[in-house]
């Protein structure tokens, strides 16, 4: 000892690299013997006033050798605690290799689940927590050595190790994936804080070259590269976009395409940097990739409307479920409307009519479609669909609107049944009353019913229309309640009783 500093140490037990339990015991004794009397008294008084747990009292009285022996036995049966002990008190590594990262991550898994393949959600949470703690010095190492291009291998080592474990273990959840995403964000943030543009360019160039190496897990490298791009400044984003543009040129020459994930990222970058037009020929629709296809077609429609039309038709032809066609039909609808090609616009409206039927589109189709046979089939199919769905709000009114457009009031009277709402009869009252007012009244008396869907105000207005426009004798004949329903709240009874109140 040199005053309070230790200048050398040895022990008969033979340990040399660090203090043994015997030396620690001596240090504790020396510390106790040299303690300031006032401080010792103060600590004693504090201990009296504070309730100490039994475990704490026992720990303070145990011999260091006994405690160390007990911990060694505990480590044999509980690898999780052993790993926690190593992470807390072990020496930090000064330099990392890919194998080091792999071992750290795998040791954490082994400490929690041993050799089991199936793990529980609580165990996954514990594993990820151990990873986060174990890799704290690793992230510090990366931050300090970010200018060294060799650390690129460490980037992918984290991803690859976690991915390998994910494939080997059976569990449900996304914690492993979120751990990778968090790691990628940390790395991207470290790279973004590289001040030297030359150093940043050298690092990203090296990473870019490695990303396309044959032995690389491209998915993981791409996810990190996306994070690097999104964390970069506008000027640096442009440099990365230039690299993508150069790669696309070579891909076009070789007639080769990347995966949808890669091409989707390339498309986003080129659009953000206003560089899409020069590389537009590379991008083509992909089957069952609606999000990507929509983005591509929206990008290309201003550049080349005819190609956008072709791409829309390709996607529609490849869709098994027609409901997936709607967004692409809307694009075609906009393109044909802008170009003034009303015949083709009518065919598109015809194709998407069933998903959002309305009178405006129906009239446009009938006025602009050049295919008479197709129009005839469309009309028959539409009226049949609406007639079958008359009980659903909106179908009855649209059916009557189409018949009004055709001036087919006779058919309108024929199709009045219990499903037609009073509000619809009021909207078309003037046409039906003018066409055949007595037959119209018979249809009302025979078919109008009251249920939970009936609008009371529409019902009241219909009764007033009847009493104001028809003679009471005719109303009495047609609306006289049946014997079994005279005391029930039927529409006939309501109209009939209204006549009695008017006397």
Protein backbone atom coordinates (compact mmCIF):
# COMPACT_ATOMS: atom_id res chain seq x y z
CA UNK A 1 0.00 0.00 0.00
CA UNK A 2 1.11 3.55 -0.70
CA UNK A 3 -1.22 5.51 1.60
CA UNK A 4 -4.64 4.57 0.18
CA UNK A 5 -3.36 3.20 -3.16
CA UNK A 6 -2.55 -0.47 -3.82
CA UNK A 7 0.76 -0.77 -5.66
CA UNK A 8 1.06 -4.56 -5.60
CA UNK A 9 -0.76 -7.70 -4.46
CA UNK A 10 -0.23 -11.45 -4.14
CA UNK A 11 -1.78 -14.39 -2.31
CA UNK A 12 -0.89 -17.99 -1.54
CA UNK A 13 -4.02 -19.08 -3.42
CA UNK A 14 -2.16 -18.25 -6.63
CA UNK A 15 -4.66 -15.90 -8.31
CA UNK A 16 -2.89 -13.10 -10.21
CA UNK A 17 -5.23 -11.42 -12.72
CA UNK A 18 -7.46 -9.75 -10.14
CA UNK A 19 -8.06 -9.61 -6.37
CA UNK A 20 -9.00 -12.92 -4.76
CA UNK A 21 -11.56 -13.26 -1.99
CA UNK A 22 -8.77 -13.34 0.63
CA UNK A 23 -7.40 -9.98 -0.52
CA UNK A 24 -10.90 -8.51 -0.66
CA UNK A 25 -11.41 -9.59 2.95
CA UNK A 26 -8.16 -7.81 3.98
CA UNK A 27 -9.26 -4.65 2.14
CA UNK A 28 -12.63 -4.72 3.88
CA UNK A 29 -10.91 -5.11 7.25
CA UNK A 30 -8.50 -2.23 6.56
CA UNK A 31 -11.38 -0.06 5.39
CA UNK A 32 -13.28 -0.75 8.62
CA UNK A 33 -10.26 -0.12 10.86
CA UNK A 34 -9.39 3.21 9.23
CA UNK A 35 -12.94 4.56 9.15
CA UNK A 36 -13.41 8.00 10.68
CA UNK A 37 -14.91 7.60 14.19
CA UNK A 38 -17.51 10.31 13.55
CA UNK A 39 -18.53 8.65 10.30
CA UNK A 40 -18.69 5.26 11.97
CA UNK A 41 -20.92 6.66 14.71
CA UNK A 42 -23.17 8.34 12.14
CA UNK A 43 -23.49 5.14 10.14
CA UNK A 44 -24.25 3.21 13.31
CA UNK A 45 -27.01 5.66 14.23
CA UNK A 46 -28.43 5.45 10.67
CA UNK A 47 -28.45 1.67 10.85
CA UNK A 48 -30.38 1.82 14.14
CA UNK A 49 -33.01 4.12 12.65
CA UNK A 50 -33.35 2.13 9.45
CA UNK A 51 -34.93 -1.29 9.28
CA UNK A 52 -32.49 -3.71 7.64
CA UNK A 53 -33.74 -6.80 5.82
CA UNK A 54 -32.68 -10.17 7.15
CA UNK A 55 -30.98 -10.97 3.84
CA UNK A 56 -28.94 -7.75 4.04
CA UNK A 57 -27.85 -8.49 7.61
CA UNK A 58 -26.81 -12.00 6.66
CA UNK A 59 -24.90 -10.79 3.59
CA UNK A 60 -22.91 -8.31 5.68
CA UNK A 61 -21.91 -10.96 8.22
CA UNK A 62 -20.89 -13.68 5.71
CA UNK A 63 -17.24 -14.43 5.06
CA UNK A 64 -16.20 -13.47 1.53
CA UNK A 65 -14.95 -16.96 0.82
CA UNK A 66 -18.27 -18.51 1.84
CA UNK A 67 -20.19 -16.06 -0.34
CA UNK A 68 -17.94 -16.73 -3.35
CA UNK A 69 -18.32 -20.49 -2.88
CA UNK A 70 -22.11 -20.16 -2.75
CA UNK A 71 -22.16 -18.01 -5.93
CA UNK A 72 -20.07 -20.58 -7.80
CA UNK A 73 -22.60 -23.28 -6.92
CA UNK A 74 -25.46 -20.97 -7.92
CA UNK A 75 -23.87 -20.30 -11.31
CA UNK A 76 -23.85 -24.03 -12.05
CA UNK A 77 -27.63 -24.26 -11.77
CA UNK A 78 -28.63 -20.79 -13.00
CA UNK A 79 -26.90 -19.64 -16.19
CA UNK A 80 -29.07 -16.51 -16.35
CA UNK A 81 -27.66 -15.18 -13.07
CA UNK A 82 -24.14 -16.14 -14.15
CA UNK A 83 -24.54 -14.12 -17.33
CA UNK A 84 -25.97 -11.17 -15.41
CA UNK A 85 -22.92 -11.34 -13.09
CA UNK A 86 -20.50 -11.38 -16.02
CA UNK A 87 -22.24 -8.45 -17.70
CA UNK A 88 -22.13 -6.43 -14.48
CA UNK A 89 -18.61 -7.15 -13.24
CA UNK A 90 -16.73 -8.55 -16.26
CA UNK A 91 -14.09 -6.56 -18.12
CA UNK A 92 -15.32 -4.75 -21.24
CA UNK A 93 -13.79 -5.96 -24.47
CA UNK A 94 -11.58 -3.47 -26.23
CA UNK A 95 -12.21 -4.92 -29.69
CA UNK A 96 -15.00 -7.03 -31.20
CA UNK A 97 -15.06 -9.68 -33.90
CA UNK A 98 -18.14 -11.10 -35.63
CA UNK A 99 -17.72 -14.31 -33.65
CA UNK A 100 -17.83 -12.31 -30.41
CA UNK A 101 -21.22 -10.82 -31.29
CA UNK A 102 -22.57 -14.23 -32.27
CA UNK A 103 -21.39 -15.77 -28.99
CA UNK A 104 -22.83 -12.97 -26.84
CA UNK A 105 -26.29 -13.35 -28.39
CA UNK A 106 -26.28 -17.15 -28.30
CA UNK A 107 -25.02 -17.31 -24.71
CA UNK A 108 -27.92 -15.12 -23.62
CA UNK A 109 -30.41 -17.53 -25.21
CA UNK A 110 -28.71 -20.55 -23.64
CA UNK A 111 -28.73 -18.92 -20.21
CA UNK A 112 -32.51 -18.52 -20.39
CA UNK A 113 -33.81 -21.63 -22.21
CA UNK A 114 -30.84 -24.01 -22.31
CA UNK A 115 -31.12 -26.37 -25.28
CA UNK A 116 -34.89 -26.11 -25.67
CA UNK A 117 -36.24 -25.03 -29.07
CA UNK A 118 -39.68 -23.93 -27.95
CA UNK A 119 -39.74 -20.83 -25.75
CA UNK A 120 -42.40 -18.78 -24.00
CA UNK A 121 -43.16 -15.10 -24.52
CA UNK A 122 -41.78 -14.22 -21.07
CA UNK A 123 -38.51 -15.96 -21.96
CA UNK A 124 -38.27 -14.04 -25.24
CA UNK A 125 -38.64 -10.80 -23.27
CA UNK A 126 -35.85 -11.86 -20.88
CA UNK A 127 -33.57 -12.83 -23.80
CA UNK A 128 -34.02 -9.46 -25.49
CA UNK A 129 -33.36 -7.65 -22.20
CA UNK A 130 -30.10 -9.59 -21.82
CA UNK A 131 -29.13 -8.75 -25.41
CA UNK A 132 -29.72 -5.07 -24.82
CA UNK A 133 -27.54 -5.09 -21.70
CA UNK A 134 -24.81 -7.29 -23.21
CA UNK A 135 -24.46 -5.12 -26.31
CA UNK A 136 -24.19 -1.76 -24.54
CA UNK A 137 -20.35 -1.78 -24.78
CA UNK A 138 -20.68 -3.08 -28.34
CA UNK A 139 -22.62 0.03 -29.43
CA UNK A 140 -20.02 2.20 -27.71
CA UNK A 141 -17.30 0.34 -29.60
CA UNK A 142 -19.10 0.94 -32.91
CA UNK A 143 -19.51 4.63 -32.18
CA UNK A 144 -15.81 5.00 -31.40
CA UNK A 145 -14.66 2.99 -34.45
CA UNK A 146 -17.27 4.02 -37.02
CA UNK A 147 -14.60 5.22 -39.43
CA UNK A 148 -13.17 1.71 -39.72
CA UNK A 149 -14.76 -0.07 -42.68
CA UNK A 150 -14.12 -3.45 -41.04
CA UNK A 151 -16.95 -2.83 -38.60
CA UNK A 152 -19.38 -3.39 -41.49
CA UNK A 153 -18.99 -7.10 -40.75
CA UNK A 154 -20.22 -6.38 -37.23
CA UNK A 155 -23.33 -4.67 -38.63
CA UNK A 156 -24.43 -7.81 -40.42
CA UNK A 157 -23.24 -10.11 -37.61
CA UNK A 158 -25.96 -8.80 -35.27
CA UNK A 159 -28.68 -9.29 -37.87
CA UNK A 160 -27.47 -12.72 -38.97
CA UNK A 161 -27.10 -14.03 -35.43
CA UNK A 162 -30.61 -12.94 -34.43
CA UNK A 163 -32.05 -14.28 -37.68
CA UNK A 164 -30.40 -17.67 -37.18
CA UNK A 165 -31.79 -17.88 -33.66
CA UNK A 166 -35.24 -16.84 -34.86
CA UNK A 167 -35.29 -19.70 -37.38
CA UNK A 168 -34.08 -22.25 -34.82
CA UNK A 169 -36.47 -21.30 -32.01
CA UNK A 170 -40.23 -21.77 -31.92
CA UNK A 171 -42.08 -18.77 -30.55
CA UNK A 172 -44.80 -16.28 -31.43
CA UNK A 173 -44.14 -12.57 -31.34
CA UNK A 174 -42.11 -9.78 -32.90
CA UNK A 175 -39.57 -8.97 -30.16
CA UNK A 176 -36.62 -10.36 -32.11
CA UNK A 177 -37.57 -8.31 -35.18
CA UNK A 178 -38.04 -5.19 -33.11
CA UNK A 179 -34.62 -5.77 -31.55
CA UNK A 180 -33.10 -5.81 -35.05
CA UNK A 181 -34.99 -2.63 -36.01
CA UNK A 182 -33.75 -0.89 -32.87
CA UNK A 183 -30.20 -2.01 -33.61
CA UNK A 184 -30.44 -0.75 -37.18
CA UNK A 185 -31.67 2.62 -35.91
CA UNK A 186 -28.67 2.87 -33.57
CA UNK A 187 -26.19 2.02 -36.33
CA UNK A 188 -27.84 4.41 -38.78
CA UNK A 189 -27.75 7.14 -36.16
CA UNK A 190 -24.03 6.56 -35.56
CA UNK A 191 -23.31 6.73 -39.31
CA UNK A 192 -25.41 9.88 -39.68
CA UNK A 193 -23.20 11.64 -37.12
CA UNK A 194 -20.02 11.05 -39.14
CA UNK A 195 -18.95 14.64 -39.86
CA UNK A 196 -16.47 13.95 -42.65
CA UNK A 197 -18.20 13.53 -46.02
CA UNK A 198 -15.16 11.62 -47.30
CA UNK A 199 -15.28 9.20 -44.39
CA UNK A 200 -19.07 8.85 -44.71
CA UNK A 201 -18.78 8.16 -48.46
CA UNK A 202 -16.05 5.55 -47.93
CA UNK A 203 -18.15 3.80 -45.29
CA UNK A 204 -21.39 3.79 -47.29
CA UNK A 205 -19.58 2.75 -50.49
CA UNK A 206 -18.05 -0.21 -48.69
CA UNK A 207 -21.42 -1.11 -47.19
CA UNK A 208 -23.10 -0.77 -50.61
CA UNK A 209 -20.58 -3.14 -52.25
CA UNK A 210 -20.99 -5.69 -49.48
CA UNK A 211 -24.78 -5.52 -49.72
CA UNK A 212 -24.74 -6.99 -53.22
CA UNK A 213 -22.14 -9.68 -52.46
CA UNK A 214 -23.34 -13.18 -53.32
CA UNK A 215 -22.80 -14.57 -49.81
CA UNK A 216 -24.66 -11.75 -48.08
CA UNK A 217 -28.09 -11.92 -46.47
CA UNK A 218 -29.43 -9.07 -48.59
CA UNK A 219 -32.62 -8.61 -46.62
CA UNK A 220 -30.86 -7.62 -43.42
CA UNK A 221 -28.37 -5.39 -45.20
CA UNK A 222 -31.19 -3.67 -47.10
CA UNK A 223 -33.18 -2.97 -43.91
CA UNK A 224 -30.14 -1.26 -42.41
CA UNK A 225 -29.37 0.61 -45.64
CA UNK A 226 -32.92 1.99 -45.68
CA UNK A 227 -32.36 3.26 -42.13
CA UNK A 228 -29.02 4.79 -43.19
CA UNK A 229 -30.73 6.54 -46.11
CA UNK A 230 -33.60 7.87 -44.01
CA UNK A 231 -31.15 9.20 -41.38
CA UNK A 232 -29.02 11.04 -43.97
CA UNK A 233 -29.06 14.69 -44.96
CA UNK A 234 -30.63 15.82 -48.26
CA UNK A 235 -27.21 16.07 -49.93
CA UNK A 236 -26.16 12.60 -48.80
CA UNK A 237 -29.52 11.14 -49.83
CA UNK A 238 -28.83 12.43 -53.32
CA UNK A 239 -25.45 10.64 -53.38
CA UNK A 240 -27.13 7.37 -52.40
CA UNK A 241 -29.80 7.96 -55.06
CA UNK A 242 -27.03 8.32 -57.67
CA UNK A 243 -25.68 4.91 -56.66
CA UNK A 244 -29.14 3.39 -57.08
CA UNK A 245 -29.55 5.02 -60.50
CA UNK A 246 -26.20 3.59 -61.66
CA UNK A 247 -27.14 0.13 -60.42
CA UNK A 248 -30.50 0.26 -62.23
CA UNK A 249 -28.72 1.13 -65.48
CA UNK A 250 -26.61 -2.01 -65.21
CA UNK A 251 -29.66 -4.10 -64.25
CA UNK A 252 -31.51 -2.89 -67.34
CA UNK A 253 -28.59 -3.88 -69.55
CA UNK A 254 -28.57 -7.36 -68.05
CA UNK A 255 -32.40 -7.70 -68.10
CA UNK A 256 -32.31 -8.48 -64.38
CA UNK A 257 -34.75 -7.44 -61.66
CA UNK A 258 -34.37 -7.24 -57.91
CA UNK A 259 -36.92 -8.41 -55.34
CA UNK A 260 -40.05 -6.34 -54.70
CA UNK A 261 -38.60 -5.16 -51.37
CA UNK A 262 -35.48 -3.81 -53.09
CA UNK A 263 -37.31 -2.31 -56.07
CA UNK A 264 -39.87 -0.72 -53.74
CA UNK A 265 -37.07 1.06 -51.88
CA UNK A 266 -35.39 2.08 -55.15
CA UNK A 267 -38.68 3.50 -56.38
CA UNK A 268 -39.19 5.53 -53.18
CA UNK A 269 -35.66 6.97 -53.37
CA UNK A 270 -35.89 7.97 -57.04
CA UNK A 271 -39.29 9.59 -56.51
CA UNK A 272 -38.06 11.52 -53.46
CA UNK A 273 -35.05 12.83 -55.42
CA UNK A 274 -37.00 13.58 -58.65
CA UNK A 275 -34.95 11.01 -60.57
CA UNK A 276 -37.69 8.56 -61.58
CA UNK A 277 -38.13 9.49 -65.25
CA UNK A 278 -34.64 8.39 -66.32
CA UNK A 279 -35.10 4.95 -64.73
CA UNK A 280 -38.82 4.44 -65.41
CA UNK A 281 -38.24 1.64 -67.95
CA UNK A 282 -36.75 -0.58 -65.26
CA UNK A 283 -39.87 -0.76 -63.10
CA UNK A 284 -42.70 -3.15 -64.01
CA UNK A 285 -45.83 -4.34 -62.16
CA UNK A 286 -45.46 -7.34 -59.86
CA UNK A 287 -48.21 -9.90 -59.37
CA UNK A 288 -50.11 -9.63 -56.07
CA UNK A 289 -48.13 -6.57 -54.97
CA UNK A 290 -50.93 -4.00 -54.98
CA UNK A 291 -49.19 -1.36 -52.85
CA UNK A 292 -46.06 -1.40 -55.00
CA UNK A 293 -48.05 -1.48 -58.26
CA UNK A 294 -50.21 1.48 -57.25
CA UNK A 295 -47.17 3.55 -56.35
CA UNK A 296 -45.47 2.68 -59.65
CA UNK A 297 -48.52 3.43 -61.79
CA UNK A 298 -49.19 6.72 -60.01
CA UNK A 299 -45.56 7.68 -60.67
CA UNK A 300 -45.65 6.73 -64.33
CA UNK A 301 -49.06 8.08 -65.34
CA UNK A 302 -47.81 11.66 -65.82
CA UNK A 303 -44.63 10.44 -67.50
CA UNK A 304 -46.35 7.97 -69.86
CA UNK A 305 -50.19 7.63 -69.63
CA UNK A 306 -50.30 4.81 -72.18
CA UNK A 307 -47.84 2.75 -70.17
CA UNK A 308 -49.90 3.43 -67.03
CA UNK A 309 -52.99 2.11 -68.85
CA UNK A 310 -51.07 -0.99 -69.91
CA UNK A 311 -49.81 -1.61 -66.37
CA UNK A 312 -53.32 -1.19 -64.91
CA UNK A 313 -54.73 -3.72 -67.36
CA UNK A 314 -51.91 -6.16 -66.55
CA UNK A 315 -52.65 -5.95 -62.84
CA UNK A 316 -56.41 -6.30 -63.33
CA UNK A 317 -55.92 -9.35 -65.56
CA UNK A 318 -53.78 -11.00 -62.89
CA UNK A 319 -56.15 -10.37 -59.95
CA UNK A 320 -58.26 -13.34 -58.90
CA UNK A 321 -60.54 -11.27 -56.66
CA UNK A 322 -62.26 -8.43 -58.54
CA UNK A 323 -62.45 -6.26 -55.40
CA UNK A 324 -58.69 -5.72 -55.72
CA UNK A 325 -59.27 -4.04 -59.09
CA UNK A 326 -61.05 -0.92 -57.79
CA UNK A 327 -58.00 1.35 -57.19
CA UNK A 328 -56.60 0.48 -60.64
CA UNK A 329 -59.97 1.07 -62.28
CA UNK A 330 -60.06 4.50 -60.62
CA UNK A 331 -56.69 5.34 -62.17
CA UNK A 332 -57.97 4.28 -65.61
CA UNK A 333 -61.10 6.33 -65.00
CA UNK A 334 -59.02 9.45 -64.29
CA UNK A 335 -56.76 8.91 -67.32
CA UNK A 336 -59.67 8.44 -69.75
CA UNK A 337 -61.53 11.42 -68.26
CA UNK A 338 -58.45 13.63 -68.74
CA UNK A 339 -57.97 12.44 -72.32
CA UNK A 340 -61.67 12.78 -73.22
CA UNK A 341 -62.02 9.13 -74.30
CA UNK A 342 -65.62 8.79 -73.06
CA UNK A 343 -66.28 5.42 -74.67
CA UNK A 344 -63.44 3.76 -72.73
CA UNK A 345 -64.39 5.75 -69.67
CA UNK A 346 -67.91 4.29 -69.92
CA UNK A 347 -66.48 0.76 -70.05
CA UNK A 348 -64.45 1.41 -66.89
CA UNK A 349 -67.48 2.86 -65.09
CA UNK A 350 -69.43 -0.21 -66.18
CA UNK A 351 -66.80 -2.53 -64.69
CA UNK A 352 -66.71 -0.78 -61.31
CA UNK A 353 -70.42 0.03 -61.13
CA UNK A 354 -71.41 -2.88 -58.87
CA UNK A 355 -69.01 -1.77 -56.13
CA UNK A 356 -70.52 1.76 -55.91
CA UNK A 357 -73.74 1.96 -57.97
CA UNK A 358 -75.17 5.44 -58.61
CA UNK A 359 -77.45 7.11 -61.13
CA UNK A 360 -74.81 9.51 -62.51
CA UNK A 361 -72.52 6.68 -63.62
CA UNK A 362 -75.45 4.68 -64.96
CA UNK A 363 -76.61 7.54 -67.15
CA UNK A 364 -73.03 8.19 -68.35
CA UNK A 365 -72.61 4.53 -69.30
CA UNK A 366 -75.90 4.40 -71.21
CA UNK A 367 -75.13 7.69 -73.00
CA UNK A 368 -71.49 7.00 -74.00
CA UNK A 369 -71.01 3.27 -74.41
CA UNK A 370 -70.75 2.30 -78.09
CA UNK A 371 -71.43 -1.39 -77.56
CA UNK A 372 -75.21 -1.82 -77.69
CA UNK A 373 -75.14 -5.50 -76.80
CA UNK A 374 -72.93 -4.81 -73.79
CA UNK A 375 -75.22 -1.97 -72.69
CA UNK A 376 -78.25 -4.26 -72.87
CA UNK A 377 -76.57 -6.90 -70.70
CA UNK A 378 -75.40 -4.23 -68.27
CA UNK A 379 -78.93 -2.83 -67.88
CA UNK A 380 -80.46 -6.24 -67.29
CA UNK A 381 -77.79 -7.21 -64.78
CA UNK A 382 -78.09 -3.89 -62.90
CA UNK A 383 -81.89 -3.91 -62.61
CA UNK A 384 -81.82 -7.54 -61.49
CA UNK A 385 -79.22 -6.76 -58.84
CA UNK A 386 -81.21 -3.77 -57.53
CA UNK A 387 -84.52 -5.66 -57.54
CA UNK A 388 -82.99 -8.48 -55.51
CA UNK A 389 -81.55 -5.99 -53.03
CA UNK A 390 -84.62 -3.78 -52.76
CA UNK A 391 -84.75 -4.31 -49.00
CA UNK A 392 -81.41 -2.54 -48.54
CA UNK A 393 -81.50 1.24 -48.20
CA UNK A 394 -80.57 2.90 -51.46
CA UNK A 395 -81.34 0.05 -53.84
CA UNK A 396 -85.04 0.90 -54.09
CA UNK A 397 -84.36 4.56 -54.84
CA UNK A 398 -81.66 3.82 -57.46
CA UNK A 399 -83.98 1.29 -59.12
CA UNK A 400 -86.70 3.95 -59.39
CA UNK A 401 -84.17 6.57 -60.61
CA UNK A 402 -83.15 4.29 -63.48
CA UNK A 403 -86.79 3.71 -64.40
CA UNK A 404 -87.40 7.46 -64.20
CA UNK A 405 -84.41 8.03 -66.55
CA UNK A 406 -86.07 5.59 -68.97
CA UNK A 407 -89.53 7.18 -68.40
CA UNK A 408 -90.76 3.68 -67.58
CA UNK A 409 -93.44 4.62 -65.04
CA UNK A 410 -95.53 1.54 -65.78
CA UNK A 411 -92.67 -0.69 -64.62
CA UNK A 412 -92.19 1.56 -61.60
CA UNK A 413 -95.78 0.88 -60.51
CA UNK A 414 -95.35 -2.85 -61.09
CA UNK A 415 -92.30 -3.20 -58.83
CA UNK A 416 -93.80 -1.44 -55.79
CA UNK A 417 -93.82 -3.99 -52.98
CA UNK A 418 -93.39 -4.11 -49.18
CA UNK A 419 -89.65 -3.36 -49.49
CA UNK A 420 -90.10 0.09 -51.05
CA UNK A 421 -89.81 2.77 -48.40
CA UNK A 422 -92.41 5.56 -47.97
CA UNK A 423 -89.66 8.14 -48.52
CA UNK A 424 -89.02 6.72 -52.02
CA UNK A 425 -92.73 6.80 -52.90
CA UNK A 426 -92.78 10.47 -51.89
CA UNK A 427 -89.78 11.29 -54.14
CA UNK A 428 -91.48 9.80 -57.20
CA UNK A 429 -95.03 10.74 -56.26
CA UNK A 430 -95.56 13.29 -59.05
CA UNK A 431 -94.54 10.82 -61.80
CA UNK A 432 -96.60 7.90 -60.52
CA UNK A 433 -99.60 10.04 -59.61
CA UNK A 434 -99.58 11.60 -63.06
CA UNK A 435 -99.17 8.25 -64.81
CA UNK A 436 -102.00 6.34 -63.08
CA UNK A 437 -103.14 7.81 -59.77
CA UNK A 438 -105.70 5.09 -58.91
CA UNK A 439 -103.30 2.24 -59.58
CA UNK A 440 -100.67 4.09 -57.58
CA UNK A 441 -103.05 4.35 -54.60
CA UNK A 442 -103.87 0.62 -54.85
CA UNK A 443 -100.13 -0.19 -54.81
CA UNK A 444 -99.63 1.97 -51.72
CA UNK A 445 -102.57 0.44 -49.88
CA UNK A 446 -101.53 -3.11 -50.70
CA UNK A 447 -97.79 -2.86 -50.03
CA UNK A 448 -96.72 -0.15 -47.58
CA UNK A 449 -95.72 -1.73 -44.28
CA UNK A 450 -94.40 -0.35 -41.01
CA UNK A 451 -91.31 -1.84 -39.40
CA UNK A 452 -88.20 -0.73 -37.46
CA UNK A 453 -86.70 0.88 -40.60
CA UNK A 454 -89.71 3.11 -41.32
CA UNK A 455 -89.09 6.84 -40.99
CA UNK A 456 -92.03 8.29 -38.96
CA UNK A 457 -91.80 11.69 -40.67
CA UNK A 458 -91.91 10.09 -44.15
CA UNK A 459 -94.90 8.02 -43.03
CA UNK A 460 -96.74 11.11 -41.85
CA UNK A 461 -95.99 12.97 -45.11
CA UNK A 462 -97.28 10.03 -47.16
CA UNK A 463 -100.55 9.98 -45.20
CA UNK A 464 -101.00 13.73 -45.79
CA UNK A 465 -100.32 13.25 -49.53
CA UNK A 466 -102.99 10.59 -49.71
CA UNK A 467 -105.62 12.52 -47.79
CA UNK A 468 -104.90 15.73 -49.74
CA UNK A 469 -104.97 14.17 -53.22
CA UNK A 470 -107.64 11.45 -53.05
CA UNK A 471 -111.35 11.48 -52.21
CA UNK A 472 -112.28 10.07 -48.82
CA UNK A 473 -114.68 7.50 -50.29
CA UNK A 474 -111.92 6.01 -52.44
CA UNK A 475 -109.52 6.00 -49.49
CA UNK A 476 -112.11 4.23 -47.28
CA UNK A 477 -112.58 1.49 -49.84
CA UNK A 478 -108.87 0.83 -50.41
CA UNK A 479 -107.64 1.38 -46.83
CA UNK A 480 -110.40 -0.30 -44.83
CA UNK A 481 -108.44 -2.45 -42.34
CA UNK A 482 -108.88 -6.20 -42.46
CA UNK A 483 -110.81 -7.70 -39.59
CA UNK A 484 -107.69 -9.30 -38.11
CA UNK A 485 -105.65 -6.11 -38.32
CA UNK A 486 -108.14 -3.38 -37.44
CA UNK A 487 -106.77 -2.97 -33.95
CA UNK A 488 -103.12 -3.22 -34.94
CA UNK A 489 -100.77 -0.41 -35.92
CA UNK A 490 -100.87 -1.01 -39.69
CA UNK A 491 -100.53 1.60 -42.39
CA UNK A 492 -104.08 0.93 -43.58
CA UNK A 493 -105.42 1.48 -40.08
CA UNK A 494 -103.43 4.70 -39.70
CA UNK A 495 -104.83 6.16 -42.94
CA UNK A 496 -108.37 5.01 -42.16
CA UNK A 497 -108.30 6.47 -38.65
CA UNK A 498 -106.94 9.73 -40.03
CA UNK A 499 -110.11 10.06 -42.15
CA UNK A 500 -112.25 9.70 -39.02
CA UNK A 501 -110.27 12.44 -37.27
CA UNK A 502 -110.77 14.78 -40.22
CA UNK A 503 -114.59 14.64 -40.08
